Amino acid sequence: MELIQFYIVAAITISSAVSVIMQGRVMYSILSLIVTLLSVAWIYAILNASFLAVVQVILYAGAIVVLFVFAVMMLR
């Protein structure tokens, strides 16, 4: 069961990472980046690395993406 869940989350991660690169609009790219970072945290949780999953969500999906959003809002 864990292997199937891992493959599903890995497919979501890869497709959203490709979407970050291929998006034409910056805000859609940032939303895809959020999905990518949250799915990487989900992979960490599947692998029983709960500390890394929490750090991934708090540090990257929380702080860095917020900085990206503010930078895009200030540049527009």
PDB file of N, CA and C in Angstrom:
ATOM      1  N   MET A   1       0.827  -1.197   0.000  1.00  0.00           N
ATOM      2  CA  MET A   1       0.000   0.000   0.000  1.00  0.00           C
ATOM      3  C   MET A   1       0.865   1.254   0.000  1.00  0.00           C
ATOM      4  N   GLU A   2       1.963   1.218   0.782  1.00  0.00           N
ATOM      5  CA  GLU A   2       2.832   2.392   0.832  1.00  0.00           C
ATOM      6  C   GLU A   2       3.526   2.629  -0.498  1.00  0.00           C
ATOM      7  N   LEU A   3       3.837   1.551  -1.202  1.00  0.00           N
ATOM      8  CA  LEU A   3       4.500   1.685  -2.495  1.00  0.00           C
ATOM      9  C   LEU A   3       3.585   2.346  -3.514  1.00  0.00           C
ATOM     10  N   ILE A   4       2.314   1.987  -3.508  1.00  0.00           N
ATOM     11  CA  ILE A   4       1.347   2.605  -4.420  1.00  0.00           C
ATOM     12  C   ILE A   4       1.187   4.081  -4.083  1.00  0.00           C
ATOM     13  N   GLN A   5       1.093   4.387  -2.795  1.00  0.00           N
ATOM     14  CA  GLN A   5       0.968   5.784  -2.371  1.00  0.00           C
ATOM     15  C   GLN A   5       2.220   6.577  -2.764  1.00  0.00           C
ATOM     16  N   PHE A   6       3.385   5.963  -2.627  1.00  0.00           N
ATOM     17  CA  PHE A   6       4.623   6.625  -3.014  1.00  0.00           C
ATOM     18  C   PHE A   6       4.636   6.944  -4.503  1.00  0.00           C
ATOM     19  N   TYR A   7       4.227   6.006  -5.344  1.00  0.00           N
ATOM     20  CA  TYR A   7       4.227   6.240  -6.780  1.00  0.00           C
ATOM     21  C   TYR A   7       3.225   7.322  -7.178  1.00  0.00           C
ATOM     22  N   ILE A   8       2.078   7.352  -6.526  1.00  0.00           N
ATOM     23  CA  ILE A   8       1.085   8.390  -6.822  1.00  0.00           C
ATOM     24  C   ILE A   8       1.622   9.763  -6.451  1.00  0.00           C
ATOM     25  N   VAL A   9       2.213   9.880  -5.263  1.00  0.00           N
ATOM     26  CA  VAL A   9       2.753  11.167  -4.824  1.00  0.00           C
ATOM     27  C   VAL A   9       3.954  11.562  -5.677  1.00  0.00           C
ATOM     28  N   ALA A  10       4.765  10.597  -6.081  1.00  0.00           N
ATOM     29  CA  ALA A  10       5.904  10.895  -6.953  1.00  0.00           C
ATOM     30  C   ALA A  10       5.433  11.420  -8.304  1.00  0.00           C
ATOM     31  N   ALA A  11       4.363  10.861  -8.830  1.00  0.00           N
ATOM     32  CA  ALA A  11       3.817  11.347 -10.101  1.00  0.00           C
ATOM     33  C   ALA A  11       3.279  12.772  -9.949  1.00  0.00           C
ATOM     34  N   ILE A  12       2.623  13.049  -8.827  1.00  0.00           N
ATOM     35  CA  ILE A  12       2.135  14.408  -8.566  1.00  0.00           C
ATOM     36  C   ILE A  12       3.304  15.373  -8.452  1.00  0.00           C
ATOM     37  N   THR A  13       4.365  14.954  -7.775  1.00  0.00           N
ATOM     38  CA  THR A  13       5.536  15.804  -7.599  1.00  0.00           C
ATOM     39  C   THR A  13       6.199  16.117  -8.933  1.00  0.00           C
ATOM     40  N   ILE A  14       6.389  15.117  -9.747  1.00  0.00           N
ATOM     41  CA  ILE A  14       7.052  15.331 -11.038  1.00  0.00           C
ATOM     42  C   ILE A  14       6.195  16.192 -11.960  1.00  0.00           C
ATOM     43  N   SER A  15       4.895  15.938 -12.001  1.00  0.00           N
ATOM     44  CA  SER A  15       4.033  16.725 -12.883  1.00  0.00           C
ATOM     45  C   SER A  15       3.932  18.177 -12.427  1.00  0.00           C
ATOM     46  N   SER A  16       3.889  18.424 -11.128  1.00  0.00           N
ATOM     47  CA  SER A  16       3.829  19.808 -10.673  1.00  0.00           C
ATOM     48  C   SER A  16       5.174  20.508 -10.826  1.00  0.00           C
ATOM     49  N   ALA A  17       6.283  19.767 -10.728  1.00  0.00           N
ATOM     50  CA  ALA A  17       7.593  20.374 -10.966  1.00  0.00           C
ATOM     51  C   ALA A  17       7.760  20.765 -12.434  1.00  0.00           C
ATOM     52  N   VAL A  18       7.266  19.927 -13.334  1.00  0.00           N
ATOM     53  CA  VAL A  18       7.292  20.283 -14.755  1.00  0.00           C
ATOM     54  C   VAL A  18       6.380  21.471 -15.011  1.00  0.00           C
ATOM     55  N   SER A  19       5.272  21.532 -14.306  1.00  0.00           N
ATOM     56  CA  SER A  19       4.344  22.649 -14.454  1.00  0.00           C
ATOM     57  C   SER A  19       4.957  23.967 -13.983  1.00  0.00           C
ATOM     58  N   VAL A  20       5.827  23.916 -12.984  1.00  0.00           N
ATOM     59  CA  VAL A  20       6.520  25.132 -12.534  1.00  0.00           C
ATOM     60  C   VAL A  20       7.333  25.717 -13.675  1.00  0.00           C
ATOM     61  N   ILE A  21       7.995  24.862 -14.416  1.00  0.00           N
ATOM     62  CA  ILE A  21       8.854  25.322 -15.502  1.00  0.00           C
ATOM     63  C   ILE A  21       8.041  25.758 -16.716  1.00  0.00           C
ATOM     64  N   MET A  22       6.962  25.060 -17.019  1.00  0.00           N
ATOM     65  CA  MET A  22       6.238  25.279 -18.263  1.00  0.00           C
ATOM     66  C   MET A  22       5.158  26.358 -18.193  1.00  0.00           C
ATOM     67  N   GLN A  23       4.807  26.825 -17.011  1.00  0.00           N
ATOM     68  CA  GLN A  23       3.744  27.818 -16.881  1.00  0.00           C
ATOM     69  C   GLN A  23       4.154  29.150 -17.502  1.00  0.00           C
ATOM     70  N   GLY A  24       3.201  29.803 -18.108  1.00  0.00           N
ATOM     71  CA  GLY A  24       3.459  31.110 -18.696  1.00  0.00           C
ATOM     72  C   GLY A  24       3.264  32.239 -17.707  1.00  0.00           C
ATOM     73  N   ARG A  25       2.387  32.038 -16.754  1.00  0.00           N
ATOM     74  CA  ARG A  25       2.106  33.083 -15.767  1.00  0.00           C
ATOM     75  C   ARG A  25       2.838  32.766 -14.464  1.00  0.00           C
ATOM     76  N   VAL A  26       3.321  33.807 -13.827  1.00  0.00           N
ATOM     77  CA  VAL A  26       4.154  33.634 -12.642  1.00  0.00           C
ATOM     78  C   VAL A  26       3.349  33.098 -11.463  1.00  0.00           C
ATOM     79  N   MET A  27       2.144  33.568 -11.269  1.00  0.00           N
ATOM     80  CA  MET A  27       1.352  33.122 -10.121  1.00  0.00           C
ATOM     81  C   MET A  27       0.979  31.644 -10.238  1.00  0.00           C
ATOM     82  N   TYR A  28       0.697  31.176 -11.436  1.00  0.00           N
ATOM     83  CA  TYR A  28       0.426  29.749 -11.622  1.00  0.00           C
ATOM     84  C   TYR A  28       1.671  28.918 -11.349  1.00  0.00           C
ATOM     85  N   SER A  29       2.812  29.470 -11.716  1.00  0.00           N
ATOM     86  CA  SER A  29       4.068  28.780 -11.439  1.00  0.00           C
ATOM     87  C   SER A  29       4.315  28.687  -9.935  1.00  0.00           C
ATOM     88  N   ILE A  30       4.010  29.737  -9.208  1.00  0.00           N
ATOM     89  CA  ILE A  30       4.178  29.718  -7.750  1.00  0.00           C
ATOM     90  C   ILE A  30       3.211  28.721  -7.107  1.00  0.00           C
ATOM     91  N   LEU A  31       1.992  28.656  -7.599  1.00  0.00           N
ATOM     92  CA  LEU A  31       1.039  27.672  -7.065  1.00  0.00           C
ATOM     93  C   LEU A  31       1.502  26.248  -7.347  1.00  0.00           C
ATOM     94  N   SER A  32       2.089  26.030  -8.512  1.00  0.00           N
ATOM     95  CA  SER A  32       2.637  24.708  -8.808  1.00  0.00           C
ATOM     96  C   SER A  32       3.833  24.402  -7.916  1.00  0.00           C
ATOM     97  N   LEU A  33       4.614  25.422  -7.592  1.00  0.00           N
ATOM     98  CA  LEU A  33       5.743  25.231  -6.687  1.00  0.00           C
ATOM     99  C   LEU A  33       5.266  24.834  -5.293  1.00  0.00           C
ATOM    100  N   ILE A  34       4.164  25.419  -4.848  1.00  0.00           N
ATOM    101  CA  ILE A  34       3.598  25.049  -3.553  1.00  0.00           C
ATOM    102  C   ILE A  34       3.172  23.584  -3.557  1.00  0.00           C
ATOM    103  N   VAL A  35       2.519  23.153  -4.635  1.00  0.00           N
ATOM    104  CA  VAL A  35       2.103  21.746  -4.742  1.00  0.00           C
ATOM    105  C   VAL A  35       3.319  20.839  -4.743  1.00  0.00           C
ATOM    106  N   THR A  36       4.375  21.246  -5.442  1.00  0.00           N
ATOM    107  CA  THR A  36       5.599  20.449  -5.483  1.00  0.00           C
ATOM    108  C   THR A  36       6.201  20.304  -4.099  1.00  0.00           C
ATOM    109  N   LEU A  37       6.315  21.396  -3.369  1.00  0.00           N
ATOM    110  CA  LEU A  37       6.944  21.356  -2.048  1.00  0.00           C
ATOM    111  C   LEU A  37       6.094  20.573  -1.048  1.00  0.00           C
ATOM    112  N   LEU A  38       4.781  20.696  -1.127  1.00  0.00           N
ATOM    113  CA  LEU A  38       3.926  19.937  -0.225  1.00  0.00           C
ATOM    114  C   LEU A  38       3.954  18.443  -0.545  1.00  0.00           C
ATOM    115  N   SER A  39       4.061  18.112  -1.815  1.00  0.00           N
ATOM    116  CA  SER A  39       4.122  16.686  -2.152  1.00  0.00           C
ATOM    117  C   SER A  39       5.472  16.080  -1.775  1.00  0.00           C
ATOM    118  N   VAL A  40       6.540  16.877  -1.805  1.00  0.00           N
ATOM    119  CA  VAL A  40       7.834  16.388  -1.313  1.00  0.00           C
ATOM    120  C   VAL A  40       7.748  16.145   0.194  1.00  0.00           C
ATOM    121  N   ALA A  41       7.053  17.015   0.906  1.00  0.00           N
ATOM    122  CA  ALA A  41       6.847  16.790   2.341  1.00  0.00           C
ATOM    123  C   ALA A  41       6.028  15.528   2.578  1.00  0.00           C
ATOM    124  N   TRP A  42       5.082  15.261   1.699  1.00  0.00           N
ATOM    125  CA  TRP A  42       4.280  14.044   1.811  1.00  0.00           C
ATOM    126  C   TRP A  42       5.149  12.803   1.603  1.00  0.00           C
ATOM    127  N   ILE A  43       6.092  12.889   0.661  1.00  0.00           N
ATOM    128  CA  ILE A  43       7.018  11.772   0.452  1.00  0.00           C
ATOM    129  C   ILE A  43       7.870  11.549   1.698  1.00  0.00           C
ATOM    130  N   TYR A  44       8.330  12.640   2.316  1.00  0.00           N
ATOM    131  CA  TYR A  44       9.078  12.492   3.562  1.00  0.00           C
ATOM    132  C   TYR A  44       8.226  11.821   4.639  1.00  0.00           C
ATOM    133  N   ALA A  45       6.960  12.174   4.707  1.00  0.00           N
ATOM    134  CA  ALA A  45       6.074  11.569   5.702  1.00  0.00           C
ATOM    135  C   ALA A  45       5.862  10.075   5.421  1.00  0.00           C
ATOM    136  N   ILE A  46       5.781   9.709   4.142  1.00  0.00           N
ATOM    137  CA  ILE A  46       5.655   8.293   3.790  1.00  0.00           C
ATOM    138  C   ILE A  46       6.895   7.525   4.236  1.00  0.00           C
ATOM    139  N   LEU A  47       8.058   8.153   4.124  1.00  0.00           N
ATOM    140  CA  LEU A  47       9.316   7.507   4.487  1.00  0.00           C
ATOM    141  C   LEU A  47       9.622   7.597   5.977  1.00  0.00           C
ATOM    142  N   ASN A  48       8.654   8.031   6.783  1.00  0.00           N
ATOM    143  CA  ASN A  48       8.769   8.160   8.239  1.00  0.00           C
ATOM    144  C   ASN A  48       9.865   9.148   8.662  1.00  0.00           C
ATOM    145  N   ALA A  49      10.056  10.181   7.881  1.00  0.00           N
ATOM    146  CA  ALA A  49      10.969  11.271   8.243  1.00  0.00           C
ATOM    147  C   ALA A  49      10.115  12.482   8.588  1.00  0.00           C
ATOM    148  N   SER A  50       9.450  12.411   9.733  1.00  0.00           N
ATOM    149  CA  SER A  50       8.466  13.437  10.083  1.00  0.00           C
ATOM    150  C   SER A  50       9.100  14.799  10.322  1.00  0.00           C
ATOM    151  N   PHE A  51      10.318  14.832  10.866  1.00  0.00           N
ATOM    152  CA  PHE A  51      10.984  16.121  11.081  1.00  0.00           C
ATOM    153  C   PHE A  51      11.244  16.825   9.752  1.00  0.00           C
ATOM    154  N   LEU A  52      11.730  16.085   8.775  1.00  0.00           N
ATOM    155  CA  LEU A  52      11.977  16.676   7.461  1.00  0.00           C
ATOM    156  C   LEU A  52      10.683  17.137   6.799  1.00  0.00           C
ATOM    157  N   ALA A  53       9.611  16.400   7.006  1.00  0.00           N
ATOM    158  CA  ALA A  53       8.319  16.799   6.434  1.00  0.00           C
ATOM    159  C   ALA A  53       7.838  18.111   7.038  1.00  0.00           C
ATOM    160  N   VAL A  54       7.977  18.240   8.343  1.00  0.00           N
ATOM    161  CA  VAL A  54       7.540  19.478   9.011  1.00  0.00           C
ATOM    162  C   VAL A  54       8.418  20.655   8.601  1.00  0.00           C
ATOM    163  N   VAL A  55       9.723  20.436   8.535  1.00  0.00           N
ATOM    164  CA  VAL A  55      10.634  21.504   8.112  1.00  0.00           C
ATOM    165  C   VAL A  55      10.351  21.904   6.667  1.00  0.00           C
ATOM    166  N   GLN A  56      10.052  20.948   5.825  1.00  0.00           N
ATOM    167  CA  GLN A  56       9.732  21.236   4.429  1.00  0.00           C
ATOM    168  C   GLN A  56       8.502  22.129   4.334  1.00  0.00           C
ATOM    169  N   VAL A  57       7.477  21.821   5.108  1.00  0.00           N
ATOM    170  CA  VAL A  57       6.248  22.602   5.044  1.00  0.00           C
ATOM    171  C   VAL A  57       6.457  23.987   5.641  1.00  0.00           C
ATOM    172  N   ILE A  58       7.085  24.063   6.799  1.00  0.00           N
ATOM    173  CA  ILE A  58       7.237  25.360   7.468  1.00  0.00           C
ATOM    174  C   ILE A  58       8.217  26.258   6.742  1.00  0.00           C
ATOM    175  N   LEU A  59       9.375  25.720   6.419  1.00  0.00           N
ATOM    176  CA  LEU A  59      10.428  26.560   5.859  1.00  0.00           C
ATOM    177  C   LEU A  59      10.188  26.869   4.392  1.00  0.00           C
ATOM    178  N   TYR A  60      10.020  25.858   3.581  1.00  0.00           N
ATOM    179  CA  TYR A  60       9.929  26.091   2.150  1.00  0.00           C
ATOM    180  C   TYR A  60       8.536  26.495   1.713  1.00  0.00           C
ATOM    181  N   ALA A  61       7.546  25.669   1.976  1.00  0.00           N
ATOM    182  CA  ALA A  61       6.193  25.969   1.505  1.00  0.00           C
ATOM    183  C   ALA A  61       5.612  27.176   2.229  1.00  0.00           C
ATOM    184  N   GLY A  62       6.059  27.424   3.439  1.00  0.00           N
ATOM    185  CA  GLY A  62       5.547  28.569   4.177  1.00  0.00           C
ATOM    186  C   GLY A  62       6.299  29.841   3.903  1.00  0.00           C
ATOM    187  N   ALA A  63       7.586  29.853   4.170  1.00  0.00           N
ATOM    188  CA  ALA A  63       8.347  31.100   4.155  1.00  0.00           C
ATOM    189  C   ALA A  63       8.832  31.498   2.765  1.00  0.00           C
ATOM    190  N   ILE A  64       9.454  30.602   2.055  1.00  0.00           N
ATOM    191  CA  ILE A  64      10.074  30.971   0.788  1.00  0.00           C
ATOM    192  C   ILE A  64       9.031  31.292  -0.273  1.00  0.00           C
ATOM    193  N   VAL A  65       7.958  30.538  -0.321  1.00  0.00           N
ATOM    194  CA  VAL A  65       6.915  30.817  -1.304  1.00  0.00           C
ATOM    195  C   VAL A  65       6.228  32.144  -0.995  1.00  0.00           C
ATOM    196  N   VAL A  66       6.065  32.476   0.267  1.00  0.00           N
ATOM    197  CA  VAL A  66       5.494  33.782   0.629  1.00  0.00           C
ATOM    198  C   VAL A  66       6.401  34.906   0.144  1.00  0.00           C
ATOM    199  N   LEU A  67       7.714  34.713   0.274  1.00  0.00           N
ATOM    200  CA  LEU A  67       8.645  35.709  -0.253  1.00  0.00           C
ATOM    201  C   LEU A  67       8.519  35.842  -1.766  1.00  0.00           C
ATOM    202  N   PHE A  68       8.347  34.733  -2.476  1.00  0.00           N
ATOM    203  CA  PHE A  68       8.149  34.790  -3.922  1.00  0.00           C
ATOM    204  C   PHE A  68       6.887  35.572  -4.267  1.00  0.00           C
ATOM    205  N   VAL A  69       5.811  35.310  -3.545  1.00  0.00           N
ATOM    206  CA  VAL A  69       4.551  35.996  -3.810  1.00  0.00           C
ATOM    207  C   VAL A  69       4.698  37.498  -3.563  1.00  0.00           C
ATOM    208  N   PHE A  70       5.341  37.888  -2.471  1.00  0.00           N
ATOM    209  CA  PHE A  70       5.544  39.308  -2.202  1.00  0.00           C
ATOM    210  C   PHE A  70       6.435  39.959  -3.269  1.00  0.00           C
ATOM    211  N   ALA A  71       7.462  39.255  -3.715  1.00  0.00           N
ATOM    212  CA  ALA A  71       8.339  39.808  -4.754  1.00  0.00           C
ATOM    213  C   ALA A  71       7.573  40.009  -6.048  1.00  0.00           C
ATOM    214  N   VAL A  72       6.717  39.059  -6.406  1.00  0.00           N
ATOM    215  CA  VAL A  72       5.924  39.209  -7.629  1.00  0.00           C
ATOM    216  C   VAL A  72       4.942  40.356  -7.482  1.00  0.00           C
ATOM    217  N   MET A  73       4.334  40.482  -6.313  1.00  0.00           N
ATOM    218  CA  MET A  73       3.374  41.577  -6.114  1.00  0.00           C
ATOM    219  C   MET A  73       4.067  42.932  -6.146  1.00  0.00           C
ATOM    220  N   MET A  74       5.285  43.025  -5.640  1.00  0.00           N
ATOM    221  CA  MET A  74       5.990  44.308  -5.639  1.00  0.00           C
ATOM    222  C   MET A  74       6.510  44.680  -7.025  1.00  0.00           C
ATOM    223  N   LEU A  75       6.839  43.693  -7.832  1.00  0.00           N
ATOM    224  CA  LEU A  75       7.370  43.978  -9.164  1.00  0.00           C
ATOM    225  C   LEU A  75       6.281  44.338 -10.173  1.00  0.00           C
ATOM    226  N   ARG A  76       5.082  43.940  -9.913  1.00  0.00           N
ATOM    227  CA  ARG A  76       4.000  44.222 -10.864  1.00  0.00           C
ATOM    228  C   ARG A  76       3.480  45.616 -10.701  1.00  0.00           C
TER     229      ARG A  76
END
